[in-house]
Amino acid sequence: MALIFSILFITAQSLISQTHAFHTSSEVPLTLQTRHSASTTSLATVASRTAPSVVVDKFDSYASNFESHLVDIVDNLKYCAPQSVASAASERITNDRNGKLYSSSLDAGCGTGLAGPGLRQLVSGSLIGVDLSPKMAELAAELVIDDGPIPMVENRMRRCAETARTAFGSDAPNRLYDGVFTADLLNLSGANFLDGFGHKVQKIPTEHYDLIVSADVLVYFGAMDDILKVFSDALAVGGDVIFTTETMKCGDYNWVETSSGRYAQSPDYVARMASEAGLTKVSQEAFTPRNESGEKVLG
C-alpha cells in the first residue's frame, strides 16, 4: 500500500490584485534556488534551513509570551495553522478512514501544544510531541486533558505542574501528550525526554506513526528532501502526513529564503520531494493560517 500525505500550502495573497503574491513587501527573496540551476547566488554561503541554534534561541526567549501574543491579538492575527492541520486529520477520518481513529501520532514541532487539543480526540493511542525549543516543549508537556465545559483560564489551554496534578490523586487529569521530547526533526533518534511531568512514554517511539502533523514548522526548512524523507521513514503504511508550508507567486524556483528568515517553497517542488521520499499526495488545500501586516496569508 502506498504511503499517503496531505499538504496544506501556505500562500500569500495581494490585497490589491487578489492574486498570489508575497504577503509583505519587506519579505523579498534573499536566496532563490531555481529548478534549472543551483541558485541565482552562490549556495555555498546560504543555508538550506534555519540553524537549529537560531530556532532554539528565538523560541526559548519567546515561549513565555507565545500564546498570549497569539490569543491577545487573535482577532487581528486569526492564527489557525495548528487547528487547520487537526481539522484536516479529522476530515480524513470522516471521509477516508470510515471513522477509524489514528492509532498513534507525532506532533512534529509541537511548540506549546496548540495542535494538541484537536489531535487528542483523533488518536486512540500515543500522541507524541517533539520540539527543538526546550522552553516551548515544556509548555506542551504541562498540558492536561480538560474535560470540563469551561477552561480553567479563559482562552488558554489548561496546564498543571506535576506536583499539583498528582495532588488530585486518582482524580488527577491525564496529560494531553503521552510523551514530550526535545529534538531536531532530522535526528528524532536522538530525542531527549522531558522528565518531571508524569508522561507515560519516556522513550521516543521506534514504531511507525499512523499520523504525523507539522504546523507552521517547515517554514524553517528551505530544502525539503531530508525532512520529508524523515517523515516518510517514520510513517506507517497507509498513514497520513499533514503539514503547512509557505510559498510565493508562480516562478522558476524550488525554495526561497526571505528577509524574515523563513523559507517558502514552490508547491510543485514540495510535491516532487514528497514523491521522491516515497509519499503519495492526497490533497493541497487553500486556507488562511493568519493575518500579517494587515494582509491575509493564504495556505
Protein backbone atom coordinates (compact mmCIF):
# COMPACT_ATOMS: atom_id res chain seq x y z
CA MET A 1 0.00 0.00 0.00
CA ALA A 2 1.31 3.42 -0.89
CA LEU A 3 2.10 5.89 1.85
CA ILE A 4 -0.21 8.89 1.89
CA PHE A 5 0.47 12.52 2.68
CA SER A 6 -1.73 15.57 2.78
CA ILE A 7 -0.28 19.05 2.18
CA LEU A 8 -1.71 22.35 3.31
CA PHE A 9 0.21 25.01 1.39
CA ILE A 10 0.53 28.47 2.86
CA THR A 11 0.48 31.02 0.07
CA ALA A 12 0.31 34.78 0.10
CA GLN A 13 -2.34 36.98 -1.47
CA SER A 14 -2.11 40.58 -2.62
CA LEU A 15 -4.99 42.61 -1.23
CA ILE A 16 -4.91 44.76 -4.35
CA SER A 17 -4.85 42.24 -7.15
CA GLN A 18 -6.28 39.26 -5.21
CA THR A 19 -3.69 37.10 -6.95
CA HIS A 20 -0.94 35.09 -5.39
CA ALA A 21 1.85 37.40 -4.25
CA PHE A 22 4.25 37.74 -1.36
CA HIS A 23 2.36 38.76 1.77
CA THR A 24 4.55 41.67 2.86
CA SER A 25 6.63 43.96 0.76
CA SER A 26 9.54 43.60 3.20
CA GLU A 27 9.82 39.85 2.67
CA VAL A 28 11.81 39.83 -0.55
CA PRO A 29 13.81 36.84 -1.72
CA LEU A 30 17.31 36.61 -0.37
CA THR A 31 18.13 33.25 -1.89
CA LEU A 32 16.44 31.64 -4.83
CA GLN A 33 17.13 28.07 -5.83
CA THR A 34 15.85 27.64 -9.35
CA ARG A 35 14.72 24.43 -10.93
CA HIS A 36 17.41 24.60 -13.59
CA SER A 37 20.42 25.86 -11.65
CA ALA A 38 21.80 25.69 -8.16
CA SER A 39 20.88 29.29 -7.34
CA THR A 40 20.86 32.85 -8.55
CA THR A 41 23.57 33.36 -5.93
CA SER A 42 26.17 31.02 -4.54
CA LEU A 43 24.62 28.39 -2.29
CA ALA A 44 28.00 27.78 -0.68
CA THR A 45 27.25 30.53 1.83
CA VAL A 46 23.48 30.01 2.04
CA ALA A 47 21.91 27.56 4.48
CA SER A 48 19.12 25.33 3.23
CA ARG A 49 17.46 25.55 6.67
CA THR A 50 17.47 27.88 9.64
CA ALA A 51 20.26 26.94 12.02
CA PRO A 52 18.82 24.90 14.92
CA SER A 53 20.62 27.14 17.43
CA VAL A 54 18.87 30.18 15.97
CA VAL A 55 15.47 28.48 16.26
CA VAL A 56 16.16 27.46 19.87
CA ASP A 57 17.26 30.96 20.87
CA LYS A 58 14.28 32.55 19.15
CA PHE A 59 11.59 30.35 20.64
CA ASP A 60 13.14 29.85 24.06
CA SER A 61 13.04 33.62 24.51
CA TYR A 62 9.55 33.85 23.00
CA ALA A 63 7.97 30.88 24.77
CA SER A 64 6.55 32.68 27.82
CA ASN A 65 4.72 35.19 25.62
CA PHE A 66 3.98 32.96 22.64
CA GLU A 67 0.37 32.06 23.38
CA SER A 68 -0.56 35.36 24.99
CA HIS A 69 0.67 37.10 21.86
CA LEU A 70 -1.48 34.87 19.67
CA VAL A 71 -4.54 34.97 21.93
CA ASP A 72 -4.49 38.61 22.93
CA ILE A 73 -4.42 39.78 19.32
CA VAL A 74 -6.16 36.76 17.88
CA ASP A 75 -8.80 38.93 16.21
CA ASN A 76 -6.04 40.60 14.24
CA LEU A 77 -3.84 37.57 13.58
CA LYS A 78 -6.55 34.91 13.26
CA TYR A 79 -3.78 32.35 13.66
CA CYS A 80 -5.13 28.89 12.95
CA ALA A 81 -2.39 26.71 11.41
CA PRO A 82 -2.39 24.18 14.30
CA GLN A 83 -6.17 23.94 14.27
CA SER A 84 -6.15 23.57 10.49
CA VAL A 85 -3.90 20.51 10.46
CA ALA A 86 -6.05 18.90 13.14
CA SER A 87 -9.16 19.72 11.13
CA ALA A 88 -7.61 18.14 8.03
CA ALA A 89 -6.86 14.98 10.02
CA SER A 90 -10.43 14.92 11.29
CA GLU A 91 -11.74 15.16 7.73
CA ARG A 92 -9.53 12.26 6.70
CA ILE A 93 -11.04 10.14 9.47
CA THR A 94 -14.57 11.04 8.42
CA ASN A 95 -14.15 10.88 4.66
CA ASP A 96 -11.42 8.32 4.02
CA ARG A 97 -10.91 6.15 7.11
CA ASN A 98 -14.52 5.13 7.78
CA GLY A 99 -14.40 6.87 11.14
CA LYS A 100 -11.31 4.96 12.31
CA LEU A 101 -9.10 6.98 14.64
CA TYR A 102 -5.36 7.16 14.14
CA SER A 103 -3.53 4.61 16.25
CA SER A 104 -0.63 6.96 17.00
CA SER A 105 0.51 10.46 16.14
CA LEU A 106 3.64 12.59 16.09
CA ASP A 107 3.21 16.34 16.51
CA ALA A 108 6.47 17.34 14.80
CA GLY A 109 7.45 20.77 16.05
CA CYS A 110 4.68 20.82 18.65
CA GLY A 111 5.68 24.16 20.13
CA THR A 112 3.49 24.94 23.15
CA GLY A 113 1.00 22.30 22.05
CA LEU A 114 -1.53 24.37 20.13
CA ALA A 115 -2.40 21.44 17.85
CA GLY A 116 -2.65 19.02 20.77
CA PRO A 117 -6.29 19.51 21.85
CA GLY A 118 -7.53 18.99 18.30
CA LEU A 119 -5.33 15.95 17.77
CA ARG A 120 -6.01 14.23 21.08
CA GLN A 121 -9.57 13.31 20.17
CA LEU A 122 -8.40 11.85 16.84
CA VAL A 123 -5.79 9.46 18.25
CA SER A 124 -6.64 6.25 20.08
CA GLY A 125 -3.06 5.53 21.11
CA SER A 126 0.02 7.60 21.85
CA LEU A 127 0.22 11.28 20.97
CA ILE A 128 3.87 12.34 20.98
CA GLY A 129 5.12 15.93 20.89
CA VAL A 130 8.61 16.89 19.73
CA ASP A 131 10.08 20.37 19.54
CA LEU A 132 13.52 21.87 19.13
CA SER A 133 12.96 24.54 21.78
CA PRO A 134 13.07 23.20 25.36
CA LYS A 135 11.05 26.14 26.71
CA MET A 136 8.28 25.64 24.15
CA ALA A 137 8.27 21.87 24.73
CA GLU A 138 7.95 22.37 28.49
CA LEU A 139 4.72 24.28 27.96
CA ALA A 140 3.39 21.44 25.81
CA ALA A 141 4.44 18.96 28.49
CA GLU A 142 2.38 20.82 31.12
CA LEU A 143 -0.86 20.42 29.18
CA VAL A 144 -3.57 18.23 30.67
CA ILE A 145 -6.80 16.96 29.17
CA ASP A 146 -9.53 19.44 30.07
CA ASP A 147 -12.86 17.65 30.10
CA GLY A 148 -14.73 20.50 31.76
CA PRO A 149 -17.17 22.72 29.88
CA ILE A 150 -15.27 25.84 30.95
CA PRO A 151 -11.46 26.01 30.67
CA MET A 152 -9.51 26.77 33.81
CA VAL A 153 -8.25 30.01 32.24
CA GLU A 154 -10.35 31.69 29.57
CA ASN A 155 -8.90 31.47 26.06
CA ARG A 156 -5.98 29.40 27.32
CA MET A 157 -5.24 25.69 27.31
CA ARG A 158 -5.18 24.02 30.70
CA ARG A 159 -1.75 23.45 32.25
CA CYS A 160 -0.70 21.95 35.51
CA ALA A 161 2.60 21.43 37.32
CA GLU A 162 3.23 17.79 38.16
CA THR A 163 3.09 18.34 41.94
CA ALA A 164 -0.31 19.99 41.59
CA ARG A 165 -1.56 17.33 39.17
CA THR A 166 -0.62 14.39 41.38
CA ALA A 167 -2.21 16.11 44.38
CA PHE A 168 -5.56 15.16 42.84
CA GLY A 169 -4.67 11.51 43.44
CA SER A 170 -6.90 9.14 41.50
CA ASP A 171 -8.73 12.14 40.06
CA ALA A 172 -5.57 13.60 38.56
CA PRO A 173 -6.17 14.76 34.98
CA ASN A 174 -4.22 12.93 32.30
CA ARG A 175 -1.53 14.69 30.35
CA LEU A 176 -2.63 15.76 26.88
CA TYR A 177 0.50 14.32 25.27
CA ASP A 178 1.65 10.84 26.19
CA GLY A 179 5.26 11.94 25.85
CA VAL A 180 7.08 15.17 25.02
CA PHE A 181 10.65 15.32 23.75
CA THR A 182 13.20 17.82 22.52
CA ALA A 183 14.91 17.00 19.26
CA ASP A 184 15.98 18.20 15.86
CA LEU A 185 13.40 16.74 13.49
CA LEU A 186 16.24 15.49 11.32
CA ASN A 187 17.53 13.44 14.25
CA LEU A 188 14.50 12.00 16.02
CA SER A 189 16.50 9.05 17.29
CA GLY A 190 18.46 11.48 19.45
CA ALA A 191 15.35 12.90 21.14
CA ASN A 192 15.56 13.80 24.82
CA PHE A 193 12.64 13.03 27.12
CA LEU A 194 11.27 15.90 29.20
CA ASP A 195 11.15 14.37 32.66
CA GLY A 196 9.15 15.63 35.61
CA PHE A 197 5.71 15.83 34.03
CA GLY A 198 4.43 12.30 34.60
CA HIS A 199 4.28 11.22 30.98
CA LYS A 200 3.84 7.53 30.24
CA VAL A 201 6.03 7.40 27.12
CA GLN A 202 9.61 8.13 28.14
CA LYS A 203 11.49 6.90 25.08
CA ILE A 204 10.83 8.21 21.60
CA PRO A 205 8.76 5.51 19.88
CA THR A 206 10.58 3.49 17.28
CA GLU A 207 7.42 2.10 15.70
CA HIS A 208 5.88 3.97 12.79
CA TYR A 209 3.25 6.65 13.34
CA ASP A 210 -0.21 6.48 11.85
CA LEU A 211 -0.35 10.30 11.67
CA ILE A 212 2.38 12.94 11.50
CA VAL A 213 1.46 16.61 11.62
CA SER A 214 3.68 19.67 11.40
CA ALA A 215 2.03 23.08 11.65
CA ASP A 216 3.99 26.22 10.76
CA VAL A 217 7.29 24.36 11.26
CA LEU A 218 8.64 23.57 7.80
CA VAL A 219 8.96 27.31 7.12
CA TYR A 220 12.35 26.88 8.80
CA PHE A 221 13.46 24.45 6.10
CA GLY A 222 14.34 25.50 2.57
CA ALA A 223 15.32 22.19 1.00
CA MET A 224 12.54 19.69 1.69
CA ASP A 225 14.17 16.40 0.71
CA ASP A 226 15.68 15.49 4.09
CA ILE A 227 12.70 16.41 6.29
CA LEU A 228 10.17 14.69 4.04
CA LYS A 229 12.34 11.57 3.97
CA VAL A 230 12.32 11.61 7.80
CA PHE A 231 8.54 11.85 7.80
CA SER A 232 8.22 9.10 5.21
CA ASP A 233 10.52 6.77 7.15
CA ALA A 234 8.57 7.40 10.37
CA LEU A 235 5.14 6.92 8.81
CA ALA A 236 3.17 3.69 8.97
CA VAL A 237 1.89 2.17 5.75
CA GLY A 238 -1.41 3.86 4.96
CA GLY A 239 -0.69 6.69 7.41
CA ASP A 240 -1.03 10.42 6.80
CA VAL A 241 1.41 13.32 6.92
CA ILE A 242 -0.25 16.75 7.17
CA PHE A 243 1.89 19.88 7.19
CA THR A 244 1.95 23.53 6.21
CA THR A 245 4.45 25.45 4.10
CA GLU A 246 4.68 28.93 2.69
CA THR A 247 5.00 29.74 -0.98
CA MET A 248 5.50 32.67 -3.33
CA LYS A 249 3.82 33.63 -6.56
CA CYS A 250 4.48 31.36 -9.51
CA GLY A 251 8.05 31.38 -10.73
CA ASP A 252 11.02 29.26 -11.64
CA TYR A 253 12.17 28.37 -8.13
CA ASN A 254 12.32 25.49 -5.70
CA TRP A 255 12.74 27.30 -2.40
CA VAL A 256 13.34 30.84 -1.24
CA GLU A 257 14.85 32.27 1.92
CA THR A 258 13.18 35.56 2.78
CA SER A 259 14.31 38.51 4.86
CA SER A 260 12.15 37.20 7.72
CA GLY A 261 14.43 34.18 7.99
CA ARG A 262 11.61 31.87 6.97
CA TYR A 263 11.51 29.80 3.79
CA ALA A 264 8.96 29.46 1.02
CA GLN A 265 8.76 26.59 -1.43
CA SER A 266 7.16 26.03 -4.78
CA PRO A 267 4.17 23.68 -4.38
CA ASP A 268 5.45 21.64 -7.31
CA TYR A 269 8.82 21.30 -5.62
CA VAL A 270 7.29 20.11 -2.34
CA ALA A 271 5.13 17.57 -4.17
CA ARG A 272 8.14 16.35 -6.12
CA MET A 273 10.27 15.97 -2.99
CA ALA A 274 7.43 14.15 -1.23
CA SER A 275 7.08 11.75 -4.13
CA GLU A 276 10.82 11.09 -4.13
CA ALA A 277 10.57 10.38 -0.40
CA GLY A 278 8.02 7.66 -1.13
CA LEU A 279 4.86 9.58 -0.29
CA THR A 280 1.71 9.92 -2.35
CA LYS A 281 -0.07 13.26 -2.48
CA VAL A 282 -3.66 13.26 -1.28
CA SER A 283 -4.51 16.95 -1.41
CA GLN A 284 -3.29 20.53 -1.50
CA GLU A 285 -5.81 22.77 0.24
CA ALA A 286 -6.00 26.53 0.49
CA PHE A 287 -6.58 28.10 3.91
CA THR A 288 -5.67 31.26 5.81
CA PRO A 289 -3.31 30.42 8.70
CA ARG A 290 -3.01 34.00 9.92
CA ASN A 291 -3.07 37.66 9.04
CA GLU A 292 0.23 39.50 8.87
CA SER A 293 0.93 43.20 8.41
CA GLY A 294 -2.75 43.74 7.77
CA GLU A 295 -2.91 41.18 4.96
CA LYS A 296 -4.16 37.64 4.75
CA VAL A 297 -1.63 34.87 4.41
CA LEU A 298 -3.24 32.10 2.42
CA GLY A 299 -2.40 28.47 2.97
